[in-house]
Amino acid sequence: MKISRLLRWVPVILCMAAIFSFSAQNAEESSKVSIGVVEIIEPIVEPIVKDLDPVSRASFMSDLTTFVRKSAHFFIYALLGASFVFALWGFDHKRRILLLPVSVLLSFVYACTDELHQSFVGGRGPAFTDVLLDTAGAALGAALCYMIFAGVSAGKAKRAALQPGKGSVNEG
């Protein structure tokens, strides 16, 4: 196997390592990370919440924290899904259409194992809704990566066909 094919798996491994690392944080550590992100966003939403009563403001900020946490799930799994497409792209050109479902399936399986992992972490627990969100992110990331790669490949094939000696219409 070529070294370049092995190197294509580095993004998959890095995504999985990041997911594992975040999932290994106990509930308090995980909350601190989310709150840290919300604190960065807070000046942006301040004009929206400045006139709210304290209860409504607290509710909004709680919802924002949940949104940040769920967005992180979606985003990291979008990267994982795209990484799987990237890693698998170099194999069997005839079966590339299978890359999308295979990438999403592999991401789904990892999401399931990730939620199982969280069940062993203090204050954390598994949630199938997170698996579904993770899988949706993976599907979007995989689809976007697939479309980009397919577009680039089609462009290369079109350019190659137009070059003299490559079966172009300019040949006489």
N, C-alpha and C. Protein backbone atom coordinates (compact mmCIF):
# COMPACT_ATOMS: atom_id res chain seq x y z
N MET A 1 0.85 -1.18 0.00
CA MET A 1 0.00 0.00 0.00
C MET A 1 0.89 1.24 0.00
N LYS A 2 0.53 2.20 -0.82
CA LYS A 2 1.31 3.42 -0.91
C LYS A 2 1.20 4.22 0.37
N ILE A 3 2.28 4.95 0.69
CA ILE A 3 2.29 5.79 1.88
C ILE A 3 1.22 6.87 1.79
N SER A 4 0.95 7.37 0.57
CA SER A 4 -0.07 8.41 0.42
C SER A 4 -1.45 7.90 0.82
N ARG A 5 -1.72 6.63 0.54
CA ARG A 5 -3.01 6.07 0.96
C ARG A 5 -3.10 5.95 2.47
N LEU A 6 -1.99 5.62 3.10
CA LEU A 6 -1.97 5.56 4.56
C LEU A 6 -2.14 6.95 5.17
N LEU A 7 -1.50 7.94 4.56
CA LEU A 7 -1.58 9.31 5.08
C LEU A 7 -2.99 9.88 4.97
N ARG A 8 -3.78 9.36 4.04
CA ARG A 8 -5.17 9.83 3.92
C ARG A 8 -6.00 9.50 5.16
N TRP A 9 -5.53 8.56 5.97
CA TRP A 9 -6.26 8.18 7.18
C TRP A 9 -5.92 9.06 8.37
N VAL A 10 -4.90 9.90 8.24
CA VAL A 10 -4.52 10.77 9.36
C VAL A 10 -5.68 11.68 9.80
N PRO A 11 -6.41 12.34 8.88
CA PRO A 11 -7.54 13.16 9.34
C PRO A 11 -8.61 12.36 10.08
N VAL A 12 -8.86 11.13 9.65
CA VAL A 12 -9.83 10.26 10.34
C VAL A 12 -9.36 10.02 11.77
N ILE A 13 -8.09 9.66 11.91
CA ILE A 13 -7.54 9.37 13.24
C ILE A 13 -7.56 10.61 14.12
N LEU A 14 -7.22 11.77 13.55
CA LEU A 14 -7.23 13.01 14.32
C LEU A 14 -8.65 13.37 14.78
N CYS A 15 -9.62 13.22 13.89
CA CYS A 15 -11.02 13.48 14.28
C CYS A 15 -11.47 12.54 15.39
N MET A 16 -11.17 11.27 15.22
CA MET A 16 -11.56 10.29 16.24
C MET A 16 -10.88 10.59 17.57
N ALA A 17 -9.62 10.98 17.53
CA ALA A 17 -8.90 11.31 18.75
C ALA A 17 -9.51 12.54 19.42
N ALA A 18 -9.87 13.54 18.63
CA ALA A 18 -10.51 14.74 19.20
C ALA A 18 -11.85 14.39 19.83
N ILE A 19 -12.64 13.60 19.14
CA ILE A 19 -13.95 13.18 19.67
C ILE A 19 -13.75 12.40 20.96
N PHE A 20 -12.82 11.47 20.96
CA PHE A 20 -12.56 10.67 22.16
C PHE A 20 -12.13 11.57 23.31
N SER A 21 -11.27 12.54 23.02
CA SER A 21 -10.78 13.45 24.05
C SER A 21 -11.92 14.27 24.65
N PHE A 22 -12.77 14.83 23.80
CA PHE A 22 -13.91 15.60 24.31
C PHE A 22 -14.85 14.71 25.12
N SER A 23 -15.06 13.49 24.67
CA SER A 23 -15.97 12.58 25.37
C SER A 23 -15.39 12.09 26.69
N ALA A 24 -14.08 12.14 26.82
CA ALA A 24 -13.44 11.69 28.05
C ALA A 24 -13.51 12.74 29.16
N GLN A 25 -13.93 13.96 28.80
CA GLN A 25 -14.07 15.00 29.82
C GLN A 25 -15.29 14.71 30.68
N ASN A 26 -15.12 14.87 32.00
CA ASN A 26 -16.29 14.69 32.85
C ASN A 26 -17.26 15.85 32.62
N ALA A 27 -18.41 15.76 33.22
CA ALA A 27 -19.46 16.75 32.98
C ALA A 27 -19.00 18.17 33.30
N GLU A 28 -18.25 18.34 34.39
CA GLU A 28 -17.79 19.67 34.78
C GLU A 28 -16.81 20.24 33.76
N GLU A 29 -15.84 19.43 33.33
CA GLU A 29 -14.86 19.88 32.33
C GLU A 29 -15.55 20.22 31.01
N SER A 30 -16.47 19.37 30.60
CA SER A 30 -17.19 19.58 29.35
C SER A 30 -18.01 20.87 29.42
N SER A 31 -18.65 21.11 30.54
CA SER A 31 -19.43 22.34 30.70
C SER A 31 -18.54 23.57 30.64
N LYS A 32 -17.36 23.49 31.22
CA LYS A 32 -16.43 24.62 31.18
C LYS A 32 -16.05 24.98 29.74
N VAL A 33 -15.83 23.96 28.93
CA VAL A 33 -15.49 24.21 27.53
C VAL A 33 -16.66 24.90 26.83
N SER A 34 -17.87 24.38 27.02
CA SER A 34 -19.05 24.98 26.38
C SER A 34 -19.27 26.40 26.86
N ILE A 35 -19.14 26.62 28.15
CA ILE A 35 -19.33 27.96 28.71
C ILE A 35 -18.26 28.91 28.16
N GLY A 36 -17.05 28.42 28.00
CA GLY A 36 -15.98 29.24 27.41
C GLY A 36 -16.33 29.71 26.01
N VAL A 37 -16.92 28.82 25.21
CA VAL A 37 -17.33 29.19 23.86
C VAL A 37 -18.48 30.20 23.93
N VAL A 38 -19.44 29.96 24.83
CA VAL A 38 -20.57 30.88 24.98
C VAL A 38 -20.07 32.27 25.40
N GLU A 39 -19.07 32.31 26.26
CA GLU A 39 -18.52 33.61 26.68
C GLU A 39 -17.90 34.36 25.50
N ILE A 40 -17.36 33.65 24.54
CA ILE A 40 -16.83 34.29 23.34
C ILE A 40 -17.97 34.86 22.49
N ILE A 41 -19.08 34.11 22.44
CA ILE A 41 -20.24 34.51 21.63
C ILE A 41 -21.07 35.59 22.33
N GLU A 42 -21.01 35.65 23.64
CA GLU A 42 -21.88 36.53 24.42
C GLU A 42 -21.89 37.99 23.95
N PRO A 43 -20.75 38.60 23.64
CA PRO A 43 -20.81 39.99 23.16
C PRO A 43 -21.62 40.16 21.87
N ILE A 44 -21.65 39.11 21.06
CA ILE A 44 -22.40 39.17 19.81
C ILE A 44 -23.90 39.14 20.08
N VAL A 45 -24.32 38.34 21.07
CA VAL A 45 -25.75 38.22 21.36
C VAL A 45 -26.23 39.24 22.39
N GLU A 46 -25.32 39.98 22.97
CA GLU A 46 -25.69 40.95 24.01
C GLU A 46 -26.80 41.90 23.56
N PRO A 47 -26.75 42.45 22.35
CA PRO A 47 -27.84 43.34 21.92
C PRO A 47 -29.21 42.65 21.91
N ILE A 48 -29.22 41.35 21.70
CA ILE A 48 -30.47 40.59 21.67
C ILE A 48 -31.02 40.39 23.08
N VAL A 49 -30.13 40.12 24.04
CA VAL A 49 -30.58 39.75 25.38
C VAL A 49 -30.56 40.89 26.39
N LYS A 50 -30.04 42.05 26.02
CA LYS A 50 -29.87 43.13 27.00
C LYS A 50 -31.17 43.59 27.63
N ASP A 51 -32.27 43.54 26.90
CA ASP A 51 -33.55 44.01 27.43
C ASP A 51 -34.41 42.90 28.02
N LEU A 52 -33.91 41.69 28.04
CA LEU A 52 -34.69 40.57 28.59
C LEU A 52 -34.65 40.60 30.12
N ASP A 53 -35.72 40.11 30.71
CA ASP A 53 -35.73 39.96 32.17
C ASP A 53 -34.73 38.87 32.54
N PRO A 54 -34.28 38.83 33.80
CA PRO A 54 -33.25 37.86 34.20
C PRO A 54 -33.60 36.40 33.91
N VAL A 55 -34.85 36.03 34.08
CA VAL A 55 -35.24 34.63 33.84
C VAL A 55 -35.14 34.31 32.34
N SER A 56 -35.66 35.21 31.53
CA SER A 56 -35.61 35.00 30.07
C SER A 56 -34.16 35.01 29.57
N ARG A 57 -33.35 35.90 30.14
CA ARG A 57 -31.95 35.98 29.75
C ARG A 57 -31.24 34.67 30.10
N ALA A 58 -31.47 34.14 31.31
CA ALA A 58 -30.86 32.89 31.74
C ALA A 58 -31.31 31.74 30.84
N SER A 59 -32.59 31.75 30.47
CA SER A 59 -33.11 30.71 29.59
C SER A 59 -32.45 30.80 28.21
N PHE A 60 -32.32 32.01 27.70
CA PHE A 60 -31.66 32.20 26.40
C PHE A 60 -30.23 31.70 26.44
N MET A 61 -29.51 32.05 27.48
CA MET A 61 -28.10 31.65 27.59
C MET A 61 -27.99 30.13 27.75
N SER A 62 -28.93 29.53 28.46
CA SER A 62 -28.94 28.08 28.59
C SER A 62 -29.17 27.43 27.22
N ASP A 63 -30.12 27.99 26.47
CA ASP A 63 -30.40 27.48 25.12
C ASP A 63 -29.19 27.67 24.21
N LEU A 64 -28.49 28.79 24.37
CA LEU A 64 -27.30 29.05 23.57
C LEU A 64 -26.21 28.02 23.90
N THR A 65 -26.06 27.70 25.17
CA THR A 65 -25.07 26.70 25.58
C THR A 65 -25.41 25.34 24.96
N THR A 66 -26.68 24.97 24.99
CA THR A 66 -27.11 23.72 24.36
C THR A 66 -26.83 23.75 22.86
N PHE A 67 -27.11 24.87 22.23
CA PHE A 67 -26.86 25.02 20.79
C PHE A 67 -25.36 24.85 20.49
N VAL A 68 -24.52 25.44 21.31
CA VAL A 68 -23.07 25.32 21.13
C VAL A 68 -22.64 23.87 21.25
N ARG A 69 -23.15 23.18 22.27
CA ARG A 69 -22.78 21.77 22.48
C ARG A 69 -23.23 20.91 21.30
N LYS A 70 -24.45 21.10 20.86
CA LYS A 70 -24.98 20.28 19.77
C LYS A 70 -24.30 20.63 18.45
N SER A 71 -23.98 21.90 18.25
CA SER A 71 -23.25 22.31 17.04
C SER A 71 -21.87 21.67 17.01
N ALA A 72 -21.24 21.58 18.17
CA ALA A 72 -19.92 20.94 18.23
C ALA A 72 -20.02 19.48 17.81
N HIS A 73 -21.05 18.79 18.29
CA HIS A 73 -21.28 17.39 17.87
C HIS A 73 -21.39 17.34 16.34
N PHE A 74 -22.27 18.15 15.80
CA PHE A 74 -22.56 18.14 14.38
C PHE A 74 -21.29 18.44 13.58
N PHE A 75 -20.55 19.48 13.97
CA PHE A 75 -19.38 19.92 13.23
C PHE A 75 -18.26 18.89 13.24
N ILE A 76 -17.93 18.34 14.40
CA ILE A 76 -16.81 17.40 14.46
C ILE A 76 -17.14 16.12 13.69
N TYR A 77 -18.40 15.73 13.70
CA TYR A 77 -18.78 14.55 12.92
C TYR A 77 -18.88 14.87 11.43
N ALA A 78 -19.17 16.11 11.07
CA ALA A 78 -19.10 16.51 9.66
C ALA A 78 -17.66 16.36 9.18
N LEU A 79 -16.72 16.77 10.02
CA LEU A 79 -15.30 16.58 9.68
C LEU A 79 -14.95 15.10 9.57
N LEU A 80 -15.50 14.29 10.48
CA LEU A 80 -15.22 12.85 10.44
C LEU A 80 -15.77 12.23 9.15
N GLY A 81 -17.01 12.57 8.81
CA GLY A 81 -17.60 12.03 7.58
C GLY A 81 -16.80 12.43 6.35
N ALA A 82 -16.39 13.70 6.30
CA ALA A 82 -15.56 14.17 5.19
C ALA A 82 -14.21 13.46 5.18
N SER A 83 -13.66 13.24 6.36
CA SER A 83 -12.37 12.55 6.46
C SER A 83 -12.44 11.12 5.96
N PHE A 84 -13.55 10.45 6.24
CA PHE A 84 -13.71 9.09 5.72
C PHE A 84 -13.77 9.10 4.18
N VAL A 85 -14.51 10.05 3.61
CA VAL A 85 -14.56 10.13 2.14
C VAL A 85 -13.16 10.39 1.59
N PHE A 86 -12.44 11.32 2.22
CA PHE A 86 -11.07 11.63 1.80
C PHE A 86 -10.19 10.38 1.86
N ALA A 87 -10.29 9.63 2.94
CA ALA A 87 -9.45 8.44 3.13
C ALA A 87 -9.79 7.35 2.12
N LEU A 88 -11.05 7.21 1.80
CA LEU A 88 -11.48 6.12 0.93
C LEU A 88 -11.49 6.49 -0.56
N TRP A 89 -11.33 7.76 -0.88
CA TRP A 89 -11.47 8.23 -2.27
C TRP A 89 -10.52 7.52 -3.23
N GLY A 90 -9.32 7.22 -2.81
CA GLY A 90 -8.33 6.64 -3.71
C GLY A 90 -8.57 5.19 -4.08
N PHE A 91 -9.52 4.54 -3.45
CA PHE A 91 -9.77 3.14 -3.73
C PHE A 91 -10.80 2.98 -4.83
N ASP A 92 -10.85 1.83 -5.42
CA ASP A 92 -11.79 1.37 -6.45
C ASP A 92 -12.72 2.45 -7.03
N HIS A 93 -12.31 3.00 -8.15
CA HIS A 93 -13.06 4.07 -8.81
C HIS A 93 -14.47 3.62 -9.22
N LYS A 94 -14.64 2.36 -9.50
CA LYS A 94 -15.94 1.86 -9.96
C LYS A 94 -16.99 1.85 -8.85
N ARG A 95 -16.54 1.85 -7.63
CA ARG A 95 -17.47 1.76 -6.49
C ARG A 95 -17.50 3.04 -5.66
N ARG A 96 -17.13 4.15 -6.24
CA ARG A 96 -17.08 5.40 -5.48
C ARG A 96 -18.44 5.80 -4.92
N ILE A 97 -19.50 5.42 -5.58
CA ILE A 97 -20.83 5.78 -5.08
C ILE A 97 -21.07 5.19 -3.70
N LEU A 98 -20.36 4.10 -3.38
CA LEU A 98 -20.50 3.48 -2.06
C LEU A 98 -19.77 4.26 -0.96
N LEU A 99 -18.90 5.19 -1.36
CA LEU A 99 -18.14 5.96 -0.37
C LEU A 99 -19.06 6.71 0.58
N LEU A 100 -20.12 7.27 0.06
CA LEU A 100 -21.03 8.06 0.88
C LEU A 100 -21.69 7.21 1.96
N PRO A 101 -22.40 6.15 1.61
CA PRO A 101 -23.02 5.35 2.68
C PRO A 101 -22.00 4.68 3.60
N VAL A 102 -20.86 4.26 3.06
CA VAL A 102 -19.84 3.63 3.91
C VAL A 102 -19.28 4.65 4.90
N SER A 103 -19.01 5.86 4.43
CA SER A 103 -18.48 6.90 5.32
C SER A 103 -19.48 7.25 6.42
N VAL A 104 -20.75 7.36 6.05
CA VAL A 104 -21.78 7.67 7.04
C VAL A 104 -21.95 6.51 8.02
N LEU A 105 -21.92 5.28 7.51
CA LEU A 105 -22.05 4.11 8.37
C LEU A 105 -20.89 4.03 9.36
N LEU A 106 -19.67 4.24 8.88
CA LEU A 106 -18.51 4.20 9.78
C LEU A 106 -18.62 5.30 10.85
N SER A 107 -19.09 6.47 10.45
CA SER A 107 -19.27 7.57 11.41
C SER A 107 -20.36 7.22 12.42
N PHE A 108 -21.44 6.62 11.96
CA PHE A 108 -22.52 6.19 12.85
C PHE A 108 -22.00 5.20 13.88
N VAL A 109 -21.23 4.23 13.43
CA VAL A 109 -20.67 3.22 14.35
C VAL A 109 -19.76 3.91 15.37
N TYR A 110 -18.94 4.84 14.90
CA TYR A 110 -18.06 5.54 15.85
C TYR A 110 -18.89 6.38 16.83
N ALA A 111 -19.96 7.00 16.35
CA ALA A 111 -20.83 7.78 17.24
C ALA A 111 -21.44 6.88 18.32
N CYS A 112 -21.83 5.67 17.93
CA CYS A 112 -22.39 4.72 18.92
C CYS A 112 -21.34 4.35 19.96
N THR A 113 -20.12 4.07 19.50
CA THR A 113 -19.06 3.72 20.46
C THR A 113 -18.69 4.91 21.33
N ASP A 114 -18.79 6.11 20.77
CA ASP A 114 -18.51 7.33 21.52
C ASP A 114 -19.54 7.52 22.64
N GLU A 115 -20.78 7.30 22.34
CA GLU A 115 -21.82 7.42 23.37
C GLU A 115 -21.65 6.34 24.44
N LEU A 116 -21.25 5.15 24.03
CA LEU A 116 -20.96 4.09 25.00
C LEU A 116 -19.80 4.53 25.90
N HIS A 117 -18.76 5.09 25.29
CA HIS A 117 -17.62 5.60 26.04
C HIS A 117 -18.07 6.62 27.09
N GLN A 118 -18.97 7.51 26.71
CA GLN A 118 -19.44 8.55 27.63
C GLN A 118 -20.17 7.96 28.83
N SER A 119 -20.72 6.78 28.68
CA SER A 119 -21.43 6.17 29.80
C SER A 119 -20.49 5.79 30.94
N PHE A 120 -19.19 5.75 30.65
CA PHE A 120 -18.19 5.43 31.67
C PHE A 120 -17.50 6.67 32.24
N VAL A 121 -17.92 7.85 31.80
CA VAL A 121 -17.29 9.10 32.21
C VAL A 121 -18.20 9.78 33.24
N GLY A 122 -17.59 10.29 34.31
CA GLY A 122 -18.34 10.90 35.40
C GLY A 122 -19.27 12.02 34.96
N GLY A 123 -20.53 11.90 35.32
CA GLY A 123 -21.52 12.92 35.02
C GLY A 123 -22.00 12.94 33.58
N ARG A 124 -21.52 12.01 32.79
CA ARG A 124 -21.91 11.95 31.38
C ARG A 124 -22.72 10.68 31.16
N GLY A 125 -23.41 10.65 30.05
CA GLY A 125 -24.18 9.46 29.73
C GLY A 125 -24.47 9.40 28.25
N PRO A 126 -24.87 8.24 27.78
CA PRO A 126 -25.16 8.09 26.36
C PRO A 126 -26.51 8.72 26.00
N ALA A 127 -26.60 9.22 24.78
CA ALA A 127 -27.85 9.78 24.27
C ALA A 127 -27.96 9.42 22.80
N PHE A 128 -28.99 8.65 22.45
CA PHE A 128 -29.15 8.25 21.06
C PHE A 128 -29.43 9.46 20.17
N THR A 129 -30.03 10.51 20.75
CA THR A 129 -30.26 11.73 19.97
C THR A 129 -28.92 12.33 19.52
N ASP A 130 -27.89 12.20 20.35
CA ASP A 130 -26.56 12.67 19.94
C ASP A 130 -26.01 11.82 18.80
N VAL A 131 -26.27 10.52 18.83
CA VAL A 131 -25.84 9.64 17.74
C VAL A 131 -26.50 10.09 16.43
N LEU A 132 -27.79 10.41 16.51
CA LEU A 132 -28.50 10.86 15.31
C LEU A 132 -27.94 12.19 14.80
N LEU A 133 -27.67 13.11 15.73
CA LEU A 133 -27.09 14.40 15.36
C LEU A 133 -25.70 14.22 14.76
N ASP A 134 -24.91 13.36 15.39
CA ASP A 134 -23.56 13.07 14.89
C ASP A 134 -23.63 12.49 13.48
N THR A 135 -24.54 11.58 13.27
CA THR A 135 -24.69 10.92 11.97
C THR A 135 -25.15 11.92 10.91
N ALA A 136 -26.04 12.82 11.29
CA ALA A 136 -26.48 13.86 10.36
C ALA A 136 -25.30 14.75 9.96
N GLY A 137 -24.47 15.11 10.93
CA GLY A 137 -23.28 15.90 10.63
C GLY A 137 -22.34 15.15 9.71
N ALA A 138 -22.14 13.86 10.00
CA ALA A 138 -21.27 13.03 9.17
C ALA A 138 -21.82 12.94 7.74
N ALA A 139 -23.13 12.80 7.61
CA ALA A 139 -23.73 12.71 6.28
C ALA A 139 -23.51 13.99 5.49
N LEU A 140 -23.67 15.13 6.14
CA LEU A 140 -23.45 16.40 5.45
C LEU A 140 -21.98 16.56 5.06
N GLY A 141 -21.08 16.30 6.00
CA GLY A 141 -19.65 16.42 5.71
C GLY A 141 -19.21 15.48 4.61
N ALA A 142 -19.69 14.24 4.67
CA ALA A 142 -19.33 13.26 3.65
C ALA A 142 -19.89 13.67 2.29
N ALA A 143 -21.13 14.14 2.26
CA ALA A 143 -21.75 14.55 0.99
C ALA A 143 -21.01 15.74 0.38
N LEU A 144 -20.67 16.73 1.20
CA LEU A 144 -19.95 17.89 0.68
C LEU A 144 -18.58 17.50 0.14
N CYS A 145 -17.86 16.68 0.89
CA CYS A 145 -16.54 16.24 0.45
C CYS A 145 -16.66 15.42 -0.84
N TYR A 146 -17.65 14.53 -0.89
CA TYR A 146 -17.86 13.72 -2.08
C TYR A 146 -18.14 14.59 -3.30
N MET A 147 -19.01 15.59 -3.12
CA MET A 147 -19.35 16.47 -4.25
C MET A 147 -18.13 17.26 -4.72
N ILE A 148 -17.33 17.73 -3.78
CA ILE A 148 -16.11 18.46 -4.16
C ILE A 148 -15.16 17.55 -4.92
N PHE A 149 -14.91 16.37 -4.38
CA PHE A 149 -13.98 15.44 -5.05
C PHE A 149 -14.52 15.00 -6.41
N ALA A 150 -15.82 14.73 -6.49
CA ALA A 150 -16.41 14.31 -7.76
C ALA A 150 -16.31 15.44 -8.78
N GLY A 151 -16.53 16.67 -8.34
CA GLY A 151 -16.41 17.82 -9.24
C GLY A 151 -15.00 18.01 -9.74
N VAL A 152 -14.04 17.88 -8.84
CA VAL A 152 -12.63 18.00 -9.23
C VAL A 152 -12.26 16.89 -10.19
N SER A 153 -12.68 15.67 -9.91
CA SER A 153 -12.38 14.53 -10.79
C SER A 153 -13.01 14.71 -12.17
N ALA A 154 -14.24 15.18 -12.19
CA ALA A 154 -14.91 15.41 -13.47
C ALA A 154 -14.19 16.50 -14.26
N GLY A 155 -13.75 17.54 -13.57
CA GLY A 155 -13.01 18.61 -14.24
C GLY A 155 -11.70 18.11 -14.81
N LYS A 156 -11.00 17.28 -14.06
CA LYS A 156 -9.73 16.70 -14.55
C LYS A 156 -9.99 15.82 -15.77
N ALA A 157 -11.03 15.02 -15.71
CA ALA A 157 -11.35 14.13 -16.83
C ALA A 157 -11.71 14.94 -18.07
N LYS A 158 -12.45 16.02 -17.88
CA LYS A 158 -12.84 16.86 -19.00
C LYS A 158 -11.61 17.53 -19.63
N ARG A 159 -10.72 18.05 -18.78
CA ARG A 159 -9.49 18.68 -19.29
C ARG A 159 -8.62 17.66 -20.02
N ALA A 160 -8.53 16.46 -19.48
CA ALA A 160 -7.72 15.41 -20.12
C ALA A 160 -8.30 15.03 -21.47
N ALA A 161 -9.62 15.00 -21.57
CA ALA A 161 -10.26 14.63 -22.84
C ALA A 161 -10.05 15.70 -23.90
N LEU A 162 -9.84 16.93 -23.48
CA LEU A 162 -9.66 18.03 -24.43
C LEU A 162 -8.21 18.20 -24.89
N GLN A 163 -7.29 17.50 -24.23
CA GLN A 163 -5.88 17.61 -24.61
C GLN A 163 -5.62 16.77 -25.87
N PRO A 164 -4.79 17.30 -26.77
CA PRO A 164 -4.46 16.54 -27.99
C PRO A 164 -3.82 15.19 -27.61
N GLY A 165 -4.23 14.16 -28.32
CA GLY A 165 -3.67 12.83 -28.08
C GLY A 165 -4.40 12.09 -26.96
N LYS A 166 -5.40 12.71 -26.37
CA LYS A 166 -6.13 12.08 -25.26
C LYS A 166 -7.57 11.79 -25.66
N GLY A 167 -7.83 11.74 -26.93
CA GLY A 167 -9.19 11.44 -27.38
C GLY A 167 -10.05 12.69 -27.47
N SER A 168 -9.44 13.84 -27.71
CA SER A 168 -10.23 15.07 -27.77
C SER A 168 -10.90 15.20 -29.14
N VAL A 169 -11.81 16.14 -29.22
CA VAL A 169 -12.51 16.39 -30.47
C VAL A 169 -11.59 17.11 -31.47
N ASN A 170 -10.47 17.59 -31.04
CA ASN A 170 -9.53 18.28 -31.91
C ASN A 170 -8.66 17.33 -32.71
N GLU A 171 -8.72 16.06 -32.40
CA GLU A 171 -7.90 15.08 -33.12
C GLU A 171 -8.43 14.90 -34.52
N GLY A 172 -7.56 14.71 -35.46
CA GLY A 172 -8.01 14.59 -36.83
C GLY A 172 -7.63 13.33 -37.39
